[in-house]
Amino acid sequence: ICVGFCPQSVFNEDEVGRPYVDAEEACTGCGL
């Protein structure tokens, strides 16, 4: 959900589908 809803593509998934913060600097603080 976090990967799918983030309008700035801040999150990414590893090879097993676990999310991680990939681009924190792109976060606008929308809170979705």
PDB file of all heavy atoms in Angstrom:
ATOM      1  N   ILE A   1       0.826  -1.204   0.000  1.00  0.00           N
ATOM      2  CA  ILE A   1       0.000   0.000   0.000  1.00  0.00           C
ATOM      3  C   ILE A   1       0.861   1.254   0.000  1.00  0.00           C
ATOM      4  O   ILE A   1       0.607   2.194  -0.762  1.00  0.00           O
ATOM      5  CB  ILE A   1      -0.996  -0.002   1.173  1.00  0.00           C
ATOM      6  CG1 ILE A   1      -2.066  -1.072   0.920  1.00  0.00           C
ATOM      7  CG2 ILE A   1      -1.631   1.367   1.365  1.00  0.00           C
ATOM      8  CD1 ILE A   1      -3.046  -1.264   2.064  1.00  0.00           C
ATOM      9  N   CYS A   2       1.885   1.307   0.827  1.00  0.00           N
ATOM     10  CA  CYS A   2       2.737   2.501   0.880  1.00  0.00           C
ATOM     11  C   CYS A   2       3.415   2.747  -0.467  1.00  0.00           C
ATOM     12  O   CYS A   2       3.482   3.882  -0.938  1.00  0.00           O
ATOM     13  CB  CYS A   2       3.769   2.398   1.994  1.00  0.00           C
ATOM     14  SG  CYS A   2       4.865   0.961   1.917  1.00  0.00           S
ATOM     15  N   VAL A   3       3.863   1.678  -1.089  1.00  0.00           N
ATOM     16  CA  VAL A   3       4.509   1.794  -2.401  1.00  0.00           C
ATOM     17  C   VAL A   3       3.508   2.289  -3.435  1.00  0.00           C
ATOM     18  O   VAL A   3       3.804   3.175  -4.236  1.00  0.00           O
ATOM     19  CB  VAL A   3       5.115   0.438  -2.836  1.00  0.00           C
ATOM     20  CG1 VAL A   3       5.718   0.532  -4.218  1.00  0.00           C
ATOM     21  CG2 VAL A   3       6.149  -0.037  -1.827  1.00  0.00           C
ATOM     22  N   GLY A   4       2.318   1.768  -3.401  1.00  0.00           N
ATOM     23  CA  GLY A   4       1.303   2.111  -4.382  1.00  0.00           C
ATOM     24  C   GLY A   4       0.697   3.490  -4.219  1.00  0.00           C
ATOM     25  O   GLY A   4       0.355   4.136  -5.209  1.00  0.00           O
ATOM     26  N   PHE A   5       0.548   3.966  -2.980  1.00  0.00           N
ATOM     27  CA  PHE A   5      -0.116   5.248  -2.744  1.00  0.00           C
ATOM     28  C   PHE A   5       0.814   6.448  -2.752  1.00  0.00           C
ATOM     29  O   PHE A   5       0.347   7.578  -2.881  1.00  0.00           O
ATOM     30  CB  PHE A   5      -0.878   5.225  -1.416  1.00  0.00           C
ATOM     31  CG  PHE A   5      -2.274   4.719  -1.553  1.00  0.00           C
ATOM     32  CD1 PHE A   5      -2.552   3.378  -1.336  1.00  0.00           C
ATOM     33  CD2 PHE A   5      -3.307   5.561  -1.912  1.00  0.00           C
ATOM     34  CE1 PHE A   5      -3.841   2.888  -1.472  1.00  0.00           C
ATOM     35  CE2 PHE A   5      -4.605   5.089  -2.043  1.00  0.00           C
ATOM     36  CZ  PHE A   5      -4.869   3.749  -1.835  1.00  0.00           C
ATOM     37  N   CYS A   6       2.108   6.248  -2.603  1.00  0.00           N
ATOM     38  CA  CYS A   6       3.025   7.386  -2.525  1.00  0.00           C
ATOM     39  C   CYS A   6       3.126   8.098  -3.876  1.00  0.00           C
ATOM     40  O   CYS A   6       3.603   7.530  -4.853  1.00  0.00           O
ATOM     41  CB  CYS A   6       4.414   6.935  -2.089  1.00  0.00           C
ATOM     42  SG  CYS A   6       5.570   8.331  -1.965  1.00  0.00           S
ATOM     43  N   PRO A   7       2.689   9.364  -3.941  1.00  0.00           N
ATOM     44  CA  PRO A   7       2.726  10.096  -5.204  1.00  0.00           C
ATOM     45  C   PRO A   7       4.143  10.495  -5.623  1.00  0.00           C
ATOM     46  O   PRO A   7       4.356  10.871  -6.775  1.00  0.00           O
ATOM     47  CB  PRO A   7       1.866  11.334  -4.934  1.00  0.00           C
ATOM     48  CG  PRO A   7       1.908  11.521  -3.468  1.00  0.00           C
ATOM     49  CD  PRO A   7       2.067  10.144  -2.878  1.00  0.00           C
ATOM     50  N   GLN A   8       5.100  10.392  -4.716  1.00  0.00           N
ATOM     51  CA  GLN A   8       6.480  10.784  -5.013  1.00  0.00           C
ATOM     52  C   GLN A   8       7.421   9.592  -5.169  1.00  0.00           C
ATOM     53  O   GLN A   8       8.627   9.771  -5.293  1.00  0.00           O
ATOM     54  CB  GLN A   8       7.008  11.714  -3.908  1.00  0.00           C
ATOM     55  CG  GLN A   8       6.192  12.970  -3.725  1.00  0.00           C
ATOM     56  CD  GLN A   8       6.093  13.801  -4.988  1.00  0.00           C
ATOM     57  OE1 GLN A   8       7.057  13.938  -5.738  1.00  0.00           O
ATOM     58  NE2 GLN A   8       4.918  14.340  -5.251  1.00  0.00           N
ATOM     59  N   SER A   9       6.894   8.384  -5.137  1.00  0.00           N
ATOM     60  CA  SER A   9       7.702   7.156  -5.272  1.00  0.00           C
ATOM     61  C   SER A   9       8.850   7.109  -4.266  1.00  0.00           C
ATOM     62  O   SER A   9       9.984   6.777  -4.602  1.00  0.00           O
ATOM     63  CB  SER A   9       8.234   7.018  -6.697  1.00  0.00           C
ATOM     64  OG  SER A   9       7.166   6.966  -7.619  1.00  0.00           O
ATOM     65  N   VAL A  10       8.532   7.437  -3.025  1.00  0.00           N
ATOM     66  CA  VAL A  10       9.520   7.424  -1.950  1.00  0.00           C
ATOM     67  C   VAL A  10       9.890   5.994  -1.563  1.00  0.00           C
ATOM     68  O   VAL A  10      11.028   5.714  -1.205  1.00  0.00           O
ATOM     69  CB  VAL A  10       8.985   8.207  -0.727  1.00  0.00           C
ATOM     70  CG1 VAL A  10       9.860   8.005   0.497  1.00  0.00           C
ATOM     71  CG2 VAL A  10       8.858   9.686  -1.070  1.00  0.00           C
ATOM     72  N   PHE A  11       8.941   5.085  -1.678  1.00  0.00           N
ATOM     73  CA  PHE A  11       9.156   3.692  -1.268  1.00  0.00           C
ATOM     74  C   PHE A  11       9.469   2.808  -2.464  1.00  0.00           C
ATOM     75  O   PHE A  11       9.060   3.081  -3.584  1.00  0.00           O
ATOM     76  CB  PHE A  11       7.904   3.146  -0.571  1.00  0.00           C
ATOM     77  CG  PHE A  11       7.546   3.882   0.670  1.00  0.00           C
ATOM     78  CD1 PHE A  11       6.647   4.945   0.633  1.00  0.00           C
ATOM     79  CD2 PHE A  11       8.108   3.543   1.891  1.00  0.00           C
ATOM     80  CE1 PHE A  11       6.310   5.644   1.778  1.00  0.00           C
ATOM     81  CE2 PHE A  11       7.779   4.231   3.047  1.00  0.00           C
ATOM     82  CZ  PHE A  11       6.879   5.290   2.983  1.00  0.00           C
ATOM     83  N   ASN A  12      10.157   1.736  -2.171  1.00  0.00           N
ATOM     84  CA  ASN A  12      10.421   0.695  -3.156  1.00  0.00           C
ATOM     85  C   ASN A  12      10.277  -0.635  -2.439  1.00  0.00           C
ATOM     86  O   ASN A  12      10.119  -0.661  -1.218  1.00  0.00           O
ATOM     87  CB  ASN A  12      11.823   0.859  -3.740  1.00  0.00           C
ATOM     88  CG  ASN A  12      11.940   0.307  -5.142  1.00  0.00           C
ATOM     89  OD1 ASN A  12      11.165  -0.556  -5.538  1.00  0.00           O
ATOM     90  ND2 ASN A  12      12.896   0.816  -5.878  1.00  0.00           N
ATOM     91  N   GLU A  13      10.311  -1.732  -3.166  1.00  0.00           N
ATOM     92  CA  GLU A  13      10.213  -3.067  -2.561  1.00  0.00           C
ATOM     93  C   GLU A  13      11.479  -3.855  -2.843  1.00  0.00           C
ATOM     94  O   GLU A  13      12.037  -3.768  -3.941  1.00  0.00           O
ATOM     95  CB  GLU A  13       9.021  -3.820  -3.135  1.00  0.00           C
ATOM     96  CG  GLU A  13       7.684  -3.210  -2.776  1.00  0.00           C
ATOM     97  CD  GLU A  13       6.520  -3.937  -3.428  1.00  0.00           C
ATOM     98  OE1 GLU A  13       6.692  -4.530  -4.505  1.00  0.00           O
ATOM     99  OE2 GLU A  13       5.424  -3.888  -2.855  1.00  0.00           O
ATOM    100  N   ASP A  14      11.893  -4.653  -1.855  1.00  0.00           N
ATOM    101  CA  ASP A  14      13.045  -5.525  -2.088  1.00  0.00           C
ATOM    102  C   ASP A  14      12.597  -6.766  -2.862  1.00  0.00           C
ATOM    103  O   ASP A  14      11.435  -6.871  -3.266  1.00  0.00           O
ATOM    104  CB  ASP A  14      13.752  -5.872  -0.774  1.00  0.00           C
ATOM    105  CG  ASP A  14      12.932  -6.718   0.184  1.00  0.00           C
ATOM    106  OD1 ASP A  14      11.905  -7.295  -0.232  1.00  0.00           O
ATOM    107  OD2 ASP A  14      13.326  -6.813   1.363  1.00  0.00           O
ATOM    108  N   GLU A  15      13.489  -7.704  -3.044  1.00  0.00           N
ATOM    109  CA  GLU A  15      13.207  -8.883  -3.876  1.00  0.00           C
ATOM    110  C   GLU A  15      12.109  -9.794  -3.328  1.00  0.00           C
ATOM    111  O   GLU A  15      11.531 -10.588  -4.061  1.00  0.00           O
ATOM    112  CB  GLU A  15      14.481  -9.697  -4.134  1.00  0.00           C
ATOM    113  CG  GLU A  15      15.190 -10.199  -2.895  1.00  0.00           C
ATOM    114  CD  GLU A  15      16.072  -9.159  -2.210  1.00  0.00           C
ATOM    115  OE1 GLU A  15      16.396  -8.114  -2.794  1.00  0.00           O
ATOM    116  OE2 GLU A  15      16.429  -9.386  -1.056  1.00  0.00           O
ATOM    117  N   VAL A  16      11.786  -9.658  -2.034  1.00  0.00           N
ATOM    118  CA  VAL A  16      10.700 -10.458  -1.460  1.00  0.00           C
ATOM    119  C   VAL A  16       9.442  -9.624  -1.189  1.00  0.00           C
ATOM    120  O   VAL A  16       8.513 -10.091  -0.538  1.00  0.00           O
ATOM    121  CB  VAL A  16      11.145 -11.211  -0.176  1.00  0.00           C
ATOM    122  CG1 VAL A  16      12.197 -12.259  -0.504  1.00  0.00           C
ATOM    123  CG2 VAL A  16      11.620 -10.254   0.885  1.00  0.00           C
ATOM    124  N   GLY A  17       9.426  -8.376  -1.656  1.00  0.00           N
ATOM    125  CA  GLY A  17       8.245  -7.547  -1.539  1.00  0.00           C
ATOM    126  C   GLY A  17       8.148  -6.690  -0.295  1.00  0.00           C
ATOM    127  O   GLY A  17       7.138  -6.039  -0.064  1.00  0.00           O
ATOM    128  N   ARG A  18       9.202  -6.665   0.532  1.00  0.00           N
ATOM    129  CA  ARG A  18       9.193  -5.817   1.732  1.00  0.00           C
ATOM    130  C   ARG A  18       9.516  -4.387   1.327  1.00  0.00           C
ATOM    131  O   ARG A  18      10.474  -4.138   0.618  1.00  0.00           O
ATOM    132  CB  ARG A  18      10.200  -6.298   2.761  1.00  0.00           C
ATOM    133  CG  ARG A  18       9.797  -7.656   3.343  1.00  0.00           C
ATOM    134  CD  ARG A  18      10.509  -7.971   4.636  1.00  0.00           C
ATOM    135  NE  ARG A  18      10.125  -7.112   5.730  1.00  0.00           N
ATOM    136  CZ  ARG A  18       9.016  -7.262   6.464  1.00  0.00           C
ATOM    137  NH1 ARG A  18       8.174  -8.225   6.201  1.00  0.00           N
ATOM    138  NH2 ARG A  18       8.766  -6.443   7.462  1.00  0.00           N
ATOM    139  N   PRO A  19       8.719  -3.420   1.798  1.00  0.00           N
ATOM    140  CA  PRO A  19       8.990  -2.024   1.430  1.00  0.00           C
ATOM    141  C   PRO A  19      10.195  -1.465   2.177  1.00  0.00           C
ATOM    142  O   PRO A  19      10.526  -1.909   3.275  1.00  0.00           O
ATOM    143  CB  PRO A  19       7.716  -1.305   1.853  1.00  0.00           C
ATOM    144  CG  PRO A  19       7.186  -2.118   2.975  1.00  0.00           C
ATOM    145  CD  PRO A  19       7.544  -3.541   2.644  1.00  0.00           C
ATOM    146  N   TYR A  20      10.834  -0.501   1.565  1.00  0.00           N
ATOM    147  CA  TYR A  20      11.897   0.262   2.204  1.00  0.00           C
ATOM    148  C   TYR A  20      11.856   1.686   1.671  1.00  0.00           C
ATOM    149  O   TYR A  20      11.324   1.941   0.593  1.00  0.00           O
ATOM    150  CB  TYR A  20      13.272  -0.390   2.007  1.00  0.00           C
ATOM    151  CG  TYR A  20      13.741  -0.461   0.576  1.00  0.00           C
ATOM    152  CD1 TYR A  20      14.532   0.557   0.032  1.00  0.00           C
ATOM    153  CD2 TYR A  20      13.409  -1.535  -0.231  1.00  0.00           C
ATOM    154  CE1 TYR A  20      14.964   0.484  -1.285  1.00  0.00           C
ATOM    155  CE2 TYR A  20      13.839  -1.618  -1.541  1.00  0.00           C
ATOM    156  CZ  TYR A  20      14.634  -0.602  -2.056  1.00  0.00           C
ATOM    157  OH  TYR A  20      15.056  -0.659  -3.356  1.00  0.00           O
ATOM    158  N   VAL A  21      12.389   2.610   2.451  1.00  0.00           N
ATOM    159  CA  VAL A  21      12.438   4.009   2.047  1.00  0.00           C
ATOM    160  C   VAL A  21      13.599   4.150   1.075  1.00  0.00           C
ATOM    161  O   VAL A  21      14.749   3.932   1.428  1.00  0.00           O
ATOM    162  CB  VAL A  21      12.611   4.931   3.271  1.00  0.00           C
ATOM    163  CG1 VAL A  21      12.691   6.380   2.830  1.00  0.00           C
ATOM    164  CG2 VAL A  21      11.473   4.731   4.252  1.00  0.00           C
ATOM    165  N   ASP A  22      13.281   4.506  -0.157  1.00  0.00           N
ATOM    166  CA  ASP A  22      14.275   4.578  -1.216  1.00  0.00           C
ATOM    167  C   ASP A  22      14.665   6.011  -1.558  1.00  0.00           C
ATOM    168  O   ASP A  22      15.781   6.250  -1.987  1.00  0.00           O
ATOM    169  CB  ASP A  22      13.721   3.879  -2.469  1.00  0.00           C
ATOM    170  CG  ASP A  22      14.751   3.685  -3.551  1.00  0.00           C
ATOM    171  OD1 ASP A  22      15.937   3.471  -3.220  1.00  0.00           O
ATOM    172  OD2 ASP A  22      14.381   3.746  -4.732  1.00  0.00           O
ATOM    173  N   ALA A  23      13.753   6.964  -1.369  1.00  0.00           N
ATOM    174  CA  ALA A  23      14.013   8.350  -1.761  1.00  0.00           C
ATOM    175  C   ALA A  23      13.377   9.315  -0.754  1.00  0.00           C
ATOM    176  O   ALA A  23      12.473  10.077  -1.093  1.00  0.00           O
ATOM    177  CB  ALA A  23      13.486   8.598  -3.164  1.00  0.00           C
ATOM    178  N   GLU A  24      13.863   9.270   0.481  1.00  0.00           N
ATOM    179  CA  GLU A  24      13.291  10.099   1.546  1.00  0.00           C
ATOM    180  C   GLU A  24      13.300  11.582   1.172  1.00  0.00           C
ATOM    181  O   GLU A  24      12.381  12.324   1.520  1.00  0.00           O
ATOM    182  CB  GLU A  24      14.058   9.875   2.844  1.00  0.00           C
ATOM    183  CG  GLU A  24      13.455  10.586   4.033  1.00  0.00           C
ATOM    184  CD  GLU A  24      14.129  10.194   5.331  1.00  0.00           C
ATOM    185  OE1 GLU A  24      15.309  10.553   5.509  1.00  0.00           O
ATOM    186  OE2 GLU A  24      13.479   9.526   6.138  1.00  0.00           O
ATOM    187  N   GLU A  25      14.309  12.010   0.438  1.00  0.00           N
ATOM    188  CA  GLU A  25      14.426  13.418   0.051  1.00  0.00           C
ATOM    189  C   GLU A  25      13.282  13.876  -0.869  1.00  0.00           C
ATOM    190  O   GLU A  25      12.990  15.061  -0.973  1.00  0.00           O
ATOM    191  CB  GLU A  25      15.774  13.693  -0.620  1.00  0.00           C
ATOM    192  CG  GLU A  25      15.953  13.049  -1.978  1.00  0.00           C
ATOM    193  CD  GLU A  25      16.309  11.555  -1.960  1.00  0.00           C
ATOM    194  OE1 GLU A  25      16.538  10.984  -0.872  1.00  0.00           O
ATOM    195  OE2 GLU A  25      16.354  10.965  -3.046  1.00  0.00           O
ATOM    196  N   ALA A  26      12.587  12.937  -1.504  1.00  0.00           N
ATOM    197  CA  ALA A  26      11.465  13.268  -2.390  1.00  0.00           C
ATOM    198  C   ALA A  26      10.147  13.431  -1.636  1.00  0.00           C
ATOM    199  O   ALA A  26       9.172  13.935  -2.186  1.00  0.00           O
ATOM    200  CB  ALA A  26      11.322  12.199  -3.465  1.00  0.00           C
ATOM    201  N   CYS A  27      10.121  13.033  -0.373  1.00  0.00           N
ATOM    202  CA  CYS A  27       8.884  13.079   0.422  1.00  0.00           C
ATOM    203  C   CYS A  27       8.411  14.522   0.598  1.00  0.00           C
ATOM    204  O   CYS A  27       9.190  15.406   0.950  1.00  0.00           O
ATOM    205  CB  CYS A  27       9.122  12.444   1.784  1.00  0.00           C
ATOM    206  SG  CYS A  27       7.675  12.450   2.860  1.00  0.00           S
ATOM    207  N   THR A  28       7.118  14.731   0.356  1.00  0.00           N
ATOM    208  CA  THR A  28       6.513  16.052   0.531  1.00  0.00           C
ATOM    209  C   THR A  28       5.730  16.151   1.834  1.00  0.00           C
ATOM    210  O   THR A  28       5.190  17.209   2.141  1.00  0.00           O
ATOM    211  CB  THR A  28       5.574  16.383  -0.650  1.00  0.00           C
ATOM    212  OG1 THR A  28       4.531  15.415  -0.687  1.00  0.00           O
ATOM    213  CG2 THR A  28       6.325  16.419  -1.962  1.00  0.00           C
ATOM    214  N   GLY A  29       5.636  15.048   2.570  1.00  0.00           N
ATOM    215  CA  GLY A  29       4.916  15.054   3.839  1.00  0.00           C
ATOM    216  C   GLY A  29       3.416  14.964   3.701  1.00  0.00           C
ATOM    217  O   GLY A  29       2.680  15.324   4.615  1.00  0.00           O
ATOM    218  N   CYS A  30       2.923  14.457   2.582  1.00  0.00           N
ATOM    219  CA  CYS A  30       1.472  14.371   2.360  1.00  0.00           C
ATOM    220  C   CYS A  30       0.803  13.417   3.352  1.00  0.00           C
ATOM    221  O   CYS A  30      -0.365  13.571   3.673  1.00  0.00           O
ATOM    222  CB  CYS A  30       1.165  13.956   0.923  1.00  0.00           C
ATOM    223  SG  CYS A  30       1.523  12.228   0.519  1.00  0.00           S
ATOM    224  N   GLY A  31       1.543  12.410   3.829  1.00  0.00           N
ATOM    225  CA  GLY A  31       1.024  11.498   4.841  1.00  0.00           C
ATOM    226  C   GLY A  31       0.164  10.356   4.328  1.00  0.00           C
ATOM    227  O   GLY A  31      -0.398   9.614   5.125  1.00  0.00           O
ATOM    228  N   LEU A  32       0.036  10.197   3.005  1.00  0.00           N
ATOM    229  CA  LEU A  32      -0.793   9.106   2.482  1.00  0.00           C
ATOM    230  C   LEU A  32      -0.297   7.742   2.955  1.00  0.00           C
ATOM    231  O   LEU A  32      -1.100   6.873   3.289  1.00  0.00           O
ATOM    232  CB  LEU A  32      -0.840   9.150   0.956  1.00  0.00           C
ATOM    233  CG  LEU A  32      -1.745  10.199   0.341  1.00  0.00           C
ATOM    234  CD1 LEU A  32      -1.600  10.189  -1.178  1.00  0.00           C
ATOM    235  CD2 LEU A  32      -3.187   9.954   0.729  1.00  0.00           C
TER     236      LEU A  32
END
